[in-house]
Amino acid sequence: MNKKTLKEKSTHGTPLFPLHIYSKVREREYHVDFHWHEELEFIFVENGVMEITINAETLQVAKGQFLFINSGDLHKVTSKGPSIHHAIVFHPQILNFDYPDISQSSIINPISKGFLRFPSTAEIKEDVKKYIVDKLKTIIALNKAESGLAALRIKITLLEIILGLYENQLFGKLQTNIKEKQENIKKVITYIQDNYDKKILLEDLASLLNMNKNYFSKYFHTAIGKTPIPYINEYRCERAAELLKSSDLKVLDISFIVGFENFSYFIRKFKEHKRYSPTQYRKKFYMENCNNGLRLN
């Protein structure tokens, strides 16, 4: 079975221009579990509603809205129905200047090193939000252009976004205790994602951080918004959903493959998480695929 790693190892863009825009058009649900990367990520929702969790905060991002994901932040992206969204992922080094000036040392370098953090959407005034949406649309359009100047225009537009945020004093400073907690939780989630198909005890997870299990459970909850057992169950259900869509394995076998020891418990948790029983979920997926095939012919 393929294991998924918490830290993305893929390269975004090219060595000369480390920026890539992932445009996702989905006719059904969409799910990317908790992960993190060194790159910054700006998400713009063109249609539908995305549910995006950044560390412990879960946000509903609707049509025409956006949010920022800072370097190193744990984040999860889901939608329950049709959606279109664009993820602009780029390495902070793209913002650097070879010839240093005051903006390089006071703004760009702190952003590149993660000391200055992009704000949550709730902190941004409506006129600034509109300004940023216009700039994000420009970047998405430029990315599709064949002009040799597109990369330069994209970099200028990114800097215009940074300038607008900085002028409105919206950047926050990295707090050491938050960074430490992020690293601790990444260690735990990596362990869960590598071992979800085995028995995982709360004591095992707590020992990773040298904590007792009661304190650890509260600590984990403050970091991602839920306690460890619900997170493990949801992660296992997502892996089960992938197998239901991509294989002909029996539902009973799938439940054991993804780490559930009790079949009835698996059925109940899967239905709580996906709104359908495993059998109904598989049937719904196949029916949607058949209908899409009919529309294409």
Protein backbone atom coordinates (compact mmCIF):
# COMPACT_ATOMS: atom_id res chain seq x y z
CA MET A 1 0.00 0.00 0.00
CA ASN A 2 1.29 3.44 -0.87
CA LYS A 3 2.01 5.63 2.12
CA LYS A 4 1.25 9.34 1.98
CA THR A 5 3.74 11.71 3.55
CA LEU A 6 2.78 14.80 5.47
CA LYS A 7 5.38 17.06 3.87
CA GLU A 8 4.98 17.53 0.15
CA LYS A 9 8.09 16.55 -1.79
CA SER A 10 6.94 17.66 -5.23
CA THR A 11 8.55 20.64 -6.93
CA HIS A 12 6.23 23.57 -7.59
CA GLY A 13 7.13 25.36 -10.80
CA THR A 14 10.69 25.28 -12.14
CA PRO A 15 14.09 26.05 -10.56
CA LEU A 16 14.13 29.36 -12.45
CA PHE A 17 10.54 30.26 -11.55
CA PRO A 18 9.35 28.30 -8.47
CA LEU A 19 5.63 29.04 -8.84
CA HIS A 20 2.80 26.81 -10.00
CA ILE A 21 -0.97 27.31 -10.12
CA TYR A 22 -3.09 24.24 -9.48
CA SER A 23 -6.55 24.83 -10.94
CA LYS A 24 -8.98 22.21 -9.63
CA VAL A 25 -12.38 21.67 -11.25
CA ARG A 26 -14.40 19.06 -9.37
CA GLU A 27 -17.90 17.78 -10.09
CA ARG A 28 -18.06 15.92 -6.80
CA GLU A 29 -16.39 16.00 -3.39
CA TYR A 30 -12.73 16.94 -3.04
CA HIS A 31 -10.36 16.08 -0.21
CA VAL A 32 -6.69 16.73 0.52
CA ASP A 33 -5.70 15.73 4.05
CA PHE A 34 -3.40 17.61 6.42
CA HIS A 35 -0.03 18.37 4.84
CA TRP A 36 2.49 21.19 4.78
CA HIS A 37 5.18 22.65 2.56
CA GLU A 38 7.82 25.34 2.68
CA GLU A 39 6.12 27.26 -0.13
CA LEU A 40 3.50 29.95 0.41
CA GLU A 41 0.04 29.18 -0.94
CA PHE A 42 -2.77 31.54 -1.95
CA ILE A 43 -6.13 29.85 -2.58
CA PHE A 44 -8.85 31.55 -4.62
CA VAL A 45 -12.30 29.94 -4.92
CA GLU A 46 -13.89 30.59 -8.30
CA ASN A 47 -17.03 28.53 -7.66
CA GLY A 48 -18.59 26.44 -4.92
CA VAL A 49 -17.59 26.35 -1.26
CA MET A 50 -14.31 24.97 0.07
CA GLU A 51 -13.73 24.01 3.70
CA ILE A 52 -10.12 24.75 4.55
CA THR A 53 -8.50 23.96 7.88
CA ILE A 54 -5.28 25.78 8.74
CA ASN A 55 -3.78 24.42 11.95
CA ALA A 56 -6.82 24.46 14.31
CA GLU A 57 -8.97 26.97 12.41
CA THR A 58 -11.57 25.72 9.92
CA LEU A 59 -12.91 28.25 7.41
CA GLN A 60 -15.67 28.18 4.79
CA VAL A 61 -14.27 29.85 1.66
CA ALA A 62 -17.05 30.63 -0.82
CA LYS A 63 -17.15 31.80 -4.43
CA GLY A 64 -15.03 34.91 -4.97
CA GLN A 65 -13.15 34.54 -1.67
CA PHE A 66 -9.51 33.70 -0.90
CA LEU A 67 -7.13 32.90 1.91
CA PHE A 68 -3.40 32.73 2.57
CA ILE A 69 -1.50 29.67 3.80
CA ASN A 70 1.85 30.48 5.38
CA SER A 71 5.02 28.45 4.96
CA GLY A 72 4.97 25.43 7.27
CA ASP A 73 1.29 25.68 8.20
CA LEU A 74 -0.62 22.40 8.50
CA HIS A 75 -3.63 22.60 6.20
CA LYS A 76 -6.44 20.46 4.84
CA VAL A 77 -8.73 21.25 1.89
CA THR A 78 -12.16 19.70 1.29
CA SER A 79 -15.44 20.33 -0.51
CA LYS A 80 -18.69 18.39 -0.31
CA GLY A 81 -19.91 19.23 -3.82
CA PRO A 82 -18.93 20.76 -7.16
CA SER A 83 -16.21 23.38 -6.92
CA ILE A 84 -13.54 25.29 -8.81
CA HIS A 85 -10.54 26.65 -6.98
CA HIS A 86 -7.01 27.79 -7.81
CA ALA A 87 -4.01 27.20 -5.55
CA ILE A 88 -1.10 29.54 -6.27
CA VAL A 89 1.92 27.82 -4.71
CA PHE A 90 5.31 29.50 -4.79
CA HIS A 91 8.62 29.53 -2.95
CA PRO A 92 9.26 32.79 -1.06
CA GLN A 93 12.63 33.07 -2.80
CA ILE A 94 10.78 34.17 -5.93
CA LEU A 95 10.25 37.53 -4.19
CA ASN A 96 13.95 38.21 -3.60
CA PHE A 97 16.06 40.89 -5.32
CA ASP A 98 19.70 40.37 -6.27
CA TYR A 99 20.38 44.00 -5.39
CA PRO A 100 19.38 44.49 -1.74
CA ASP A 101 17.43 47.56 -0.67
CA ILE A 102 15.46 48.54 2.42
CA SER A 103 12.36 46.62 1.28
CA GLN A 104 14.49 43.48 0.89
CA SER A 105 15.78 43.59 4.46
CA SER A 106 12.64 44.85 6.21
CA ILE A 107 9.88 43.09 4.24
CA ILE A 108 10.95 40.49 1.69
CA ASN A 109 13.60 38.69 3.77
CA PRO A 110 11.32 38.37 6.85
CA ILE A 111 8.56 36.95 4.59
CA SER A 112 11.00 34.53 2.90
CA LYS A 113 12.23 33.28 6.28
CA GLY A 114 8.74 33.00 7.75
CA PHE A 115 9.16 35.71 10.38
CA LEU A 116 6.36 37.79 8.82
CA ARG A 117 3.11 35.86 8.32
CA PHE A 118 0.26 36.57 5.95
CA PRO A 119 -2.99 37.47 7.76
CA SER A 120 -6.19 35.49 8.11
CA THR A 121 -8.97 36.68 5.81
CA ALA A 122 -11.03 37.87 8.79
CA GLU A 123 -8.39 40.54 9.54
CA ILE A 124 -8.62 42.11 6.07
CA LYS A 125 -10.96 45.01 5.28
CA GLU A 126 -13.40 44.62 2.39
CA ASP A 127 -11.68 47.12 0.09
CA VAL A 128 -8.35 45.34 0.58
CA LYS A 129 -10.02 41.98 -0.06
CA LYS A 130 -11.37 43.26 -3.38
CA TYR A 131 -7.91 44.56 -4.29
CA ILE A 132 -6.35 41.16 -3.54
CA VAL A 133 -9.05 39.21 -5.43
CA ASP A 134 -8.34 41.34 -8.51
CA LYS A 135 -4.61 40.62 -8.18
CA LEU A 136 -5.19 36.86 -7.74
CA LYS A 137 -7.36 36.79 -10.86
CA THR A 138 -4.59 38.61 -12.72
CA ILE A 139 -2.02 36.00 -11.63
CA ILE A 140 -4.29 33.12 -12.71
CA ALA A 141 -4.86 34.76 -16.11
CA LEU A 142 -1.14 35.51 -16.58
CA ASN A 143 -0.26 31.91 -15.80
CA LYS A 144 -2.28 30.83 -18.86
CA ALA A 145 -0.61 33.38 -21.14
CA GLU A 146 2.18 32.41 -23.52
CA SER A 147 3.94 35.76 -23.23
CA GLY A 148 7.59 35.63 -22.23
CA LEU A 149 6.86 38.48 -19.83
CA ALA A 150 4.23 36.52 -17.88
CA ALA A 151 6.69 35.44 -15.16
CA LEU A 152 7.80 39.03 -14.59
CA ARG A 153 4.20 40.26 -14.48
CA ILE A 154 3.28 37.53 -11.98
CA LYS A 155 6.19 38.50 -9.71
CA ILE A 156 5.19 42.17 -9.89
CA THR A 157 1.59 41.26 -9.02
CA LEU A 158 2.71 39.17 -6.02
CA LEU A 159 4.73 42.13 -4.80
CA GLU A 160 1.68 44.39 -5.25
CA ILE A 161 -0.29 42.05 -2.97
CA ILE A 162 2.50 42.21 -0.37
CA LEU A 163 2.68 46.00 -0.66
CA GLY A 164 -1.09 46.32 -0.13
CA LEU A 165 -0.98 44.11 2.96
CA TYR A 166 2.09 45.86 4.37
CA GLU A 167 0.64 49.35 3.84
CA ASN A 168 -2.42 48.25 5.82
CA GLN A 169 -0.21 46.78 8.60
CA LEU A 170 -1.70 43.32 8.16
CA PHE A 171 1.40 41.14 8.44
CA GLY A 172 1.84 39.36 11.76
CA LYS A 173 5.04 38.17 13.44
CA LEU A 174 5.89 34.51 13.92
CA GLN A 175 5.53 33.40 17.54
CA THR A 176 8.10 30.86 18.75
CA ASN A 177 5.57 28.80 20.74
CA ILE A 178 3.34 28.40 17.64
CA LYS A 179 6.29 27.19 15.55
CA GLU A 180 7.23 24.64 18.20
CA LYS A 181 3.66 23.33 18.43
CA GLN A 182 3.46 23.04 14.62
CA GLU A 183 6.60 20.91 14.54
CA ASN A 184 5.28 18.67 17.34
CA ILE A 185 1.92 18.12 15.64
CA LYS A 186 3.59 17.42 12.28
CA LYS A 187 5.56 14.65 13.97
CA VAL A 188 2.36 13.10 15.35
CA ILE A 189 0.35 13.38 12.13
CA THR A 190 3.24 11.94 10.12
CA TYR A 191 3.24 8.96 12.47
CA ILE A 192 -0.53 8.52 12.07
CA GLN A 193 -0.38 8.76 8.28
CA ASP A 194 2.47 6.23 8.17
CA ASN A 195 0.78 3.77 10.56
CA TYR A 196 -2.99 4.24 10.12
CA ASP A 197 -3.34 0.62 8.92
CA LYS A 198 -2.02 -0.65 12.28
CA LYS A 199 -3.29 -0.35 15.83
CA ILE A 200 -2.47 3.13 17.19
CA LEU A 201 -2.72 3.75 20.91
CA LEU A 202 -3.09 7.17 22.46
CA GLU A 203 -0.10 6.31 24.67
CA ASP A 204 2.04 5.73 21.55
CA LEU A 205 1.22 9.18 20.19
CA ALA A 206 1.73 10.90 23.53
CA SER A 207 5.13 9.25 23.94
CA LEU A 208 6.30 10.86 20.68
CA LEU A 209 6.14 14.21 22.50
CA ASN A 210 7.00 12.89 25.99
CA MET A 211 3.55 13.77 27.34
CA ASN A 212 0.93 11.90 29.33
CA LYS A 213 -2.06 10.88 27.22
CA ASN A 214 -4.59 13.22 28.86
CA TYR A 215 -2.48 16.34 28.37
CA PHE A 216 -1.49 15.21 24.88
CA SER A 217 -5.13 14.82 23.82
CA LYS A 218 -5.90 18.43 24.82
CA TYR A 219 -2.66 19.65 23.21
CA PHE A 220 -3.54 17.94 19.91
CA HIS A 221 -7.09 19.38 20.02
CA THR A 222 -5.83 22.95 20.40
CA ALA A 223 -3.54 22.43 17.38
CA ILE A 224 -5.94 20.98 14.77
CA GLY A 225 -9.40 21.42 16.29
CA LYS A 226 -10.14 17.79 17.19
CA THR A 227 -8.77 15.08 19.46
CA PRO A 228 -6.53 12.28 18.10
CA ILE A 229 -9.11 9.45 17.85
CA PRO A 230 -11.59 11.38 15.62
CA TYR A 231 -8.68 12.49 13.43
CA ILE A 232 -7.42 8.90 13.06
CA ASN A 233 -10.93 7.69 12.23
CA GLU A 234 -11.44 10.40 9.61
CA TYR A 235 -8.06 9.71 8.03
CA ARG A 236 -8.82 5.98 7.84
CA CYS A 237 -12.24 6.74 6.31
CA GLU A 238 -10.60 8.85 3.60
CA ARG A 239 -8.21 6.03 2.76
CA ALA A 240 -11.20 3.66 2.68
CA ALA A 241 -13.04 6.04 0.33
CA GLU A 242 -10.07 5.93 -2.06
CA LEU A 243 -10.13 2.12 -2.07
CA LEU A 244 -13.90 2.03 -2.58
CA LYS A 245 -13.48 4.17 -5.70
CA SER A 246 -10.33 2.54 -7.09
CA SER A 247 -10.73 -1.17 -6.29
CA ASP A 248 -13.22 -4.05 -6.23
CA LEU A 249 -12.18 -5.11 -2.74
CA LYS A 250 -14.96 -6.15 -0.40
CA VAL A 251 -16.06 -3.51 2.11
CA LEU A 252 -15.16 -5.85 4.98
CA ASP A 253 -11.62 -6.26 3.64
CA ILE A 254 -11.23 -2.52 3.16
CA SER A 255 -12.24 -1.83 6.74
CA PHE A 256 -9.39 -4.03 8.02
CA ILE A 257 -6.87 -2.75 5.45
CA VAL A 258 -7.30 0.84 6.68
CA GLY A 259 -6.94 -0.13 10.33
CA PHE A 260 -10.46 -0.59 11.73
CA GLU A 261 -10.66 -3.65 13.98
CA ASN A 262 -14.46 -3.63 14.25
CA PHE A 263 -16.53 -3.74 11.05
CA SER A 264 -19.69 -2.24 12.58
CA TYR A 265 -17.65 0.61 14.04
CA PHE A 266 -16.12 1.25 10.60
CA ILE A 267 -19.56 1.41 8.96
CA ARG A 268 -20.79 3.87 11.60
CA LYS A 269 -17.75 6.14 11.41
CA PHE A 270 -17.64 6.10 7.61
CA LYS A 271 -21.30 7.15 7.43
CA GLU A 272 -20.69 9.94 9.97
CA HIS A 273 -17.77 11.26 7.94
CA LYS A 274 -18.95 10.76 4.34
CA ARG A 275 -22.76 10.91 4.83
CA TYR A 276 -23.19 7.53 3.08
CA SER A 277 -22.50 3.93 4.05
CA PRO A 278 -19.44 2.45 2.28
CA THR A 279 -21.67 0.47 -0.10
CA GLN A 280 -23.82 3.52 -0.90
CA TYR A 281 -20.68 5.62 -1.39
CA ARG A 282 -19.20 3.16 -3.91
CA LYS A 283 -22.51 2.90 -5.78
CA LYS A 284 -22.87 6.69 -5.88
CA PHE A 285 -19.34 7.07 -7.29
CA TYR A 286 -19.95 4.50 -10.02
CA MET A 287 -23.31 6.05 -10.98
CA GLU A 288 -21.74 9.52 -11.26
CA ASN A 289 -18.96 8.11 -13.44
CA CYS A 290 -21.50 6.41 -15.71
CA ASN A 291 -23.52 9.62 -16.01
CA ASN A 292 -20.41 11.63 -16.82
CA GLY A 293 -19.50 9.07 -19.50
CA LEU A 294 -22.94 9.39 -21.07
CA ARG A 295 -22.62 13.17 -21.19
CA LEU A 296 -19.23 12.94 -22.86
CA ASN A 297 -20.41 10.58 -25.63
